[in-house]
Amino acid sequence: MTTMEALLIAKDKDTSAEVLAGLVDNADSFVLLQVAAHLNTDTETLDILAKNENQIVRQFVAEHFNTSVETLVMLSEDTHIASWVAGNPNAPAGVIHKLSKDEDIFIRLSVSVNPSITMGILYTLSKDDDENVRAAVAKNPKISLDILKVLAKDENEDVREVAAEHPKMMAIQA
């Protein structure tokens, strides 16, 4: 099979998990990226791709909904991949908690918008030193009205605006 044929197969939304698994041995990065991003890619194939030397392939694995918890834990240890794991709703609570304290702003930003974040972590991140993290917290659909009210009085104007525009705040103003 040529690289172009493999790429076309990997891009086809109807390609089965079994066929995608057969493409893992392909040396072409573009093919592997398509496999890692494909909705039908199964956990076992993603586990293999998580060990690929290509950082972008690993990023796609880190954000994929079918990636195993074990692989997400492993990828969270990679500083270049951790922000992708931080946003994955399937990332385990312990990983989310650990990443919420990371010094890297992009990791904390990713945690802030994770739909599986706990209210406790949202509360902690609402006190973050970085206004971008606080603004991201204010965008989270899971945020409590109490935290939103505090963010609506934030020292930073952008954070206040984002909090004021949240649907929960809009509902009480209506």
Protein backbone atom coordinates (compact mmCIF):
# COMPACT_ATOMS: atom_id res chain seq x y z
CA MET A 1 0.00 0.00 0.00
CA THR A 2 1.31 3.43 -0.88
CA THR A 3 1.49 6.26 1.60
CA MET A 4 -1.21 8.11 -0.32
CA GLU A 5 -3.54 5.08 -0.15
CA ALA A 6 -2.89 4.74 3.58
CA LEU A 7 -3.58 8.43 4.08
CA LEU A 8 -6.86 8.24 2.20
CA ILE A 9 -7.93 5.23 4.28
CA ALA A 10 -6.95 6.97 7.53
CA LYS A 11 -8.90 10.10 6.53
CA ASP A 12 -12.08 8.19 5.68
CA LYS A 13 -14.56 8.71 8.53
CA ASP A 14 -16.00 5.24 7.95
CA THR A 15 -12.70 3.37 8.32
CA SER A 16 -13.03 0.70 11.00
CA ALA A 17 -10.92 0.42 14.13
CA GLU A 18 -9.40 -2.80 12.79
CA VAL A 19 -8.24 -1.16 9.55
CA LEU A 20 -6.89 1.84 11.46
CA ALA A 21 -4.94 -0.51 13.75
CA GLY A 22 -3.34 -1.99 10.66
CA LEU A 23 -1.95 1.42 9.73
CA VAL A 24 0.03 1.87 12.96
CA ASP A 25 3.16 0.39 11.41
CA ASN A 26 3.13 3.01 8.66
CA ALA A 27 6.24 5.18 8.86
CA ASP A 28 4.54 8.28 7.52
CA SER A 29 3.75 10.87 10.20
CA PHE A 30 0.74 12.22 8.32
CA VAL A 31 -0.84 8.76 8.25
CA LEU A 32 -0.18 8.29 11.97
CA LEU A 33 -1.65 11.72 12.74
CA GLN A 34 -4.83 10.77 10.91
CA VAL A 35 -5.04 7.47 12.78
CA ALA A 36 -4.46 9.20 16.14
CA ALA A 37 -7.18 11.75 15.35
CA HIS A 38 -9.73 9.32 13.89
CA LEU A 39 -12.90 8.88 15.97
CA ASN A 40 -12.93 5.13 15.32
CA THR A 41 -9.39 4.52 16.60
CA ASP A 42 -9.56 2.06 19.48
CA THR A 43 -7.83 2.15 22.84
CA GLU A 44 -5.22 -0.46 21.95
CA THR A 45 -4.12 1.44 18.84
CA LEU A 46 -3.96 4.69 20.80
CA ASP A 47 -1.84 2.98 23.46
CA ILE A 48 0.66 2.08 20.73
CA LEU A 49 0.61 5.56 19.20
CA ALA A 50 1.18 7.12 22.64
CA LYS A 51 4.74 5.79 22.44
CA ASN A 52 5.40 7.30 19.00
CA GLU A 53 8.36 9.66 18.80
CA ASN A 54 6.27 12.30 17.01
CA GLN A 55 5.04 14.80 19.59
CA ILE A 56 2.01 15.81 17.52
CA VAL A 57 0.88 12.19 17.23
CA ARG A 58 1.11 11.92 21.03
CA GLN A 59 -0.88 15.17 21.39
CA PHE A 60 -3.71 13.73 19.32
CA VAL A 61 -3.63 10.59 21.46
CA ALA A 62 -3.73 12.70 24.65
CA GLU A 63 -6.93 14.45 23.60
CA HIS A 64 -8.69 11.41 22.11
CA PHE A 65 -11.82 10.19 23.92
CA ASN A 66 -10.82 6.53 23.51
CA THR A 67 -7.41 6.88 25.14
CA SER A 68 -7.06 4.65 28.19
CA VAL A 69 -6.67 6.11 31.67
CA GLU A 70 -3.28 4.38 31.98
CA THR A 71 -2.05 6.05 28.80
CA LEU A 72 -3.40 9.44 29.90
CA VAL A 73 -1.52 9.07 33.18
CA MET A 74 1.68 8.21 31.28
CA LEU A 75 1.26 11.11 28.85
CA SER A 76 0.57 13.56 31.68
CA GLU A 77 4.20 13.09 32.75
CA ASP A 78 5.41 14.48 29.41
CA THR A 79 5.68 18.27 29.76
CA HIS A 80 5.04 18.72 26.03
CA ILE A 81 1.84 16.67 26.14
CA ALA A 82 0.41 17.43 29.60
CA SER A 83 -1.75 20.36 28.47
CA TRP A 84 -3.50 18.05 25.99
CA VAL A 85 -4.18 15.52 28.74
CA ALA A 86 -5.40 18.32 31.03
CA GLY A 87 -8.29 19.07 28.69
CA ASN A 88 -9.34 15.45 28.15
CA PRO A 89 -12.62 14.78 30.01
CA ASN A 90 -11.48 11.18 30.58
CA ALA A 91 -8.33 12.20 32.44
CA PRO A 92 -8.47 10.79 35.96
CA ALA A 93 -9.25 13.15 38.82
CA GLY A 94 -5.79 12.70 40.33
CA VAL A 95 -4.12 13.79 37.11
CA ILE A 96 -6.44 16.78 36.76
CA HIS A 97 -5.71 17.77 40.36
CA LYS A 98 -1.95 17.48 39.83
CA LEU A 99 -2.03 19.40 36.54
CA SER A 100 -4.16 22.17 38.07
CA LYS A 101 -1.11 23.06 40.18
CA ASP A 102 1.38 22.99 37.31
CA GLU A 103 3.50 26.09 36.80
CA ASP A 104 2.75 26.07 33.07
CA ILE A 105 -0.13 28.44 32.35
CA PHE A 106 -1.24 26.46 29.29
CA ILE A 107 -1.67 23.35 31.39
CA ARG A 108 -3.75 25.23 33.97
CA LEU A 109 -5.78 26.80 31.15
CA SER A 110 -6.55 23.35 29.75
CA VAL A 111 -7.57 22.09 33.17
CA SER A 112 -9.85 25.14 33.59
CA VAL A 113 -11.99 24.21 30.59
CA ASN A 114 -12.04 20.45 31.20
CA PRO A 115 -15.71 19.42 31.43
CA SER A 116 -14.85 16.82 34.09
CA ILE A 117 -13.20 19.28 36.46
CA THR A 118 -14.36 19.24 40.07
CA MET A 119 -15.86 22.28 41.73
CA GLY A 120 -12.95 22.28 44.20
CA ILE A 121 -10.40 22.62 41.42
CA LEU A 122 -12.52 25.28 39.71
CA TYR A 123 -12.58 27.19 43.00
CA THR A 124 -8.79 26.90 43.38
CA LEU A 125 -8.17 28.01 39.79
CA SER A 126 -10.58 30.93 40.23
CA LYS A 127 -7.91 32.30 42.60
CA ASP A 128 -5.05 31.75 40.12
CA ASP A 129 -2.49 34.53 39.76
CA ASP A 130 -3.00 34.56 36.00
CA GLU A 131 -6.07 36.41 34.73
CA ASN A 132 -6.28 34.15 31.66
CA VAL A 133 -6.75 31.12 33.90
CA ARG A 134 -9.41 32.94 35.93
CA ALA A 135 -11.19 33.96 32.70
CA ALA A 136 -11.08 30.34 31.48
CA VAL A 137 -12.63 29.24 34.78
CA ALA A 138 -15.41 31.78 34.22
CA LYS A 139 -16.17 30.13 30.86
CA ASN A 140 -16.52 26.63 32.28
CA PRO A 141 -20.17 25.50 32.01
CA LYS A 142 -19.82 23.58 35.24
CA ILE A 143 -18.87 26.61 37.36
CA SER A 144 -21.05 27.42 40.32
CA LEU A 145 -22.92 30.67 40.61
CA ASP A 146 -21.01 31.46 43.80
CA ILE A 147 -17.63 31.28 42.03
CA LEU A 148 -19.02 33.29 39.11
CA LYS A 149 -20.18 36.03 41.46
CA VAL A 150 -16.67 36.29 42.90
CA LEU A 151 -15.14 36.39 39.41
CA ALA A 152 -17.64 39.08 38.42
CA LYS A 153 -15.83 41.30 40.94
CA ASP A 154 -12.32 40.29 39.82
CA GLU A 155 -9.62 42.95 39.65
CA ASN A 156 -9.20 42.24 35.93
CA GLU A 157 -11.78 43.74 33.59
CA ASP A 158 -11.61 40.85 31.10
CA VAL A 159 -12.31 38.31 33.84
CA ARG A 160 -15.26 40.40 35.04
CA GLU A 161 -16.65 40.57 31.49
CA VAL A 162 -16.34 36.83 30.89
CA ALA A 163 -18.02 36.10 34.22
CA ALA A 164 -20.85 38.54 33.46
CA GLU A 165 -21.46 36.89 30.07
CA HIS A 166 -21.74 33.37 31.50
CA PRO A 167 -25.25 31.93 30.94
CA LYS A 168 -25.70 31.37 34.68
CA MET A 169 -25.07 35.05 35.37
CA MET A 170 -27.28 36.09 32.48
CA ALA A 171 -30.10 33.97 33.92
CA ILE A 172 -30.08 35.78 37.27
CA GLN A 173 -29.93 39.18 35.55
CA ALA A 174 -32.94 38.43 33.37
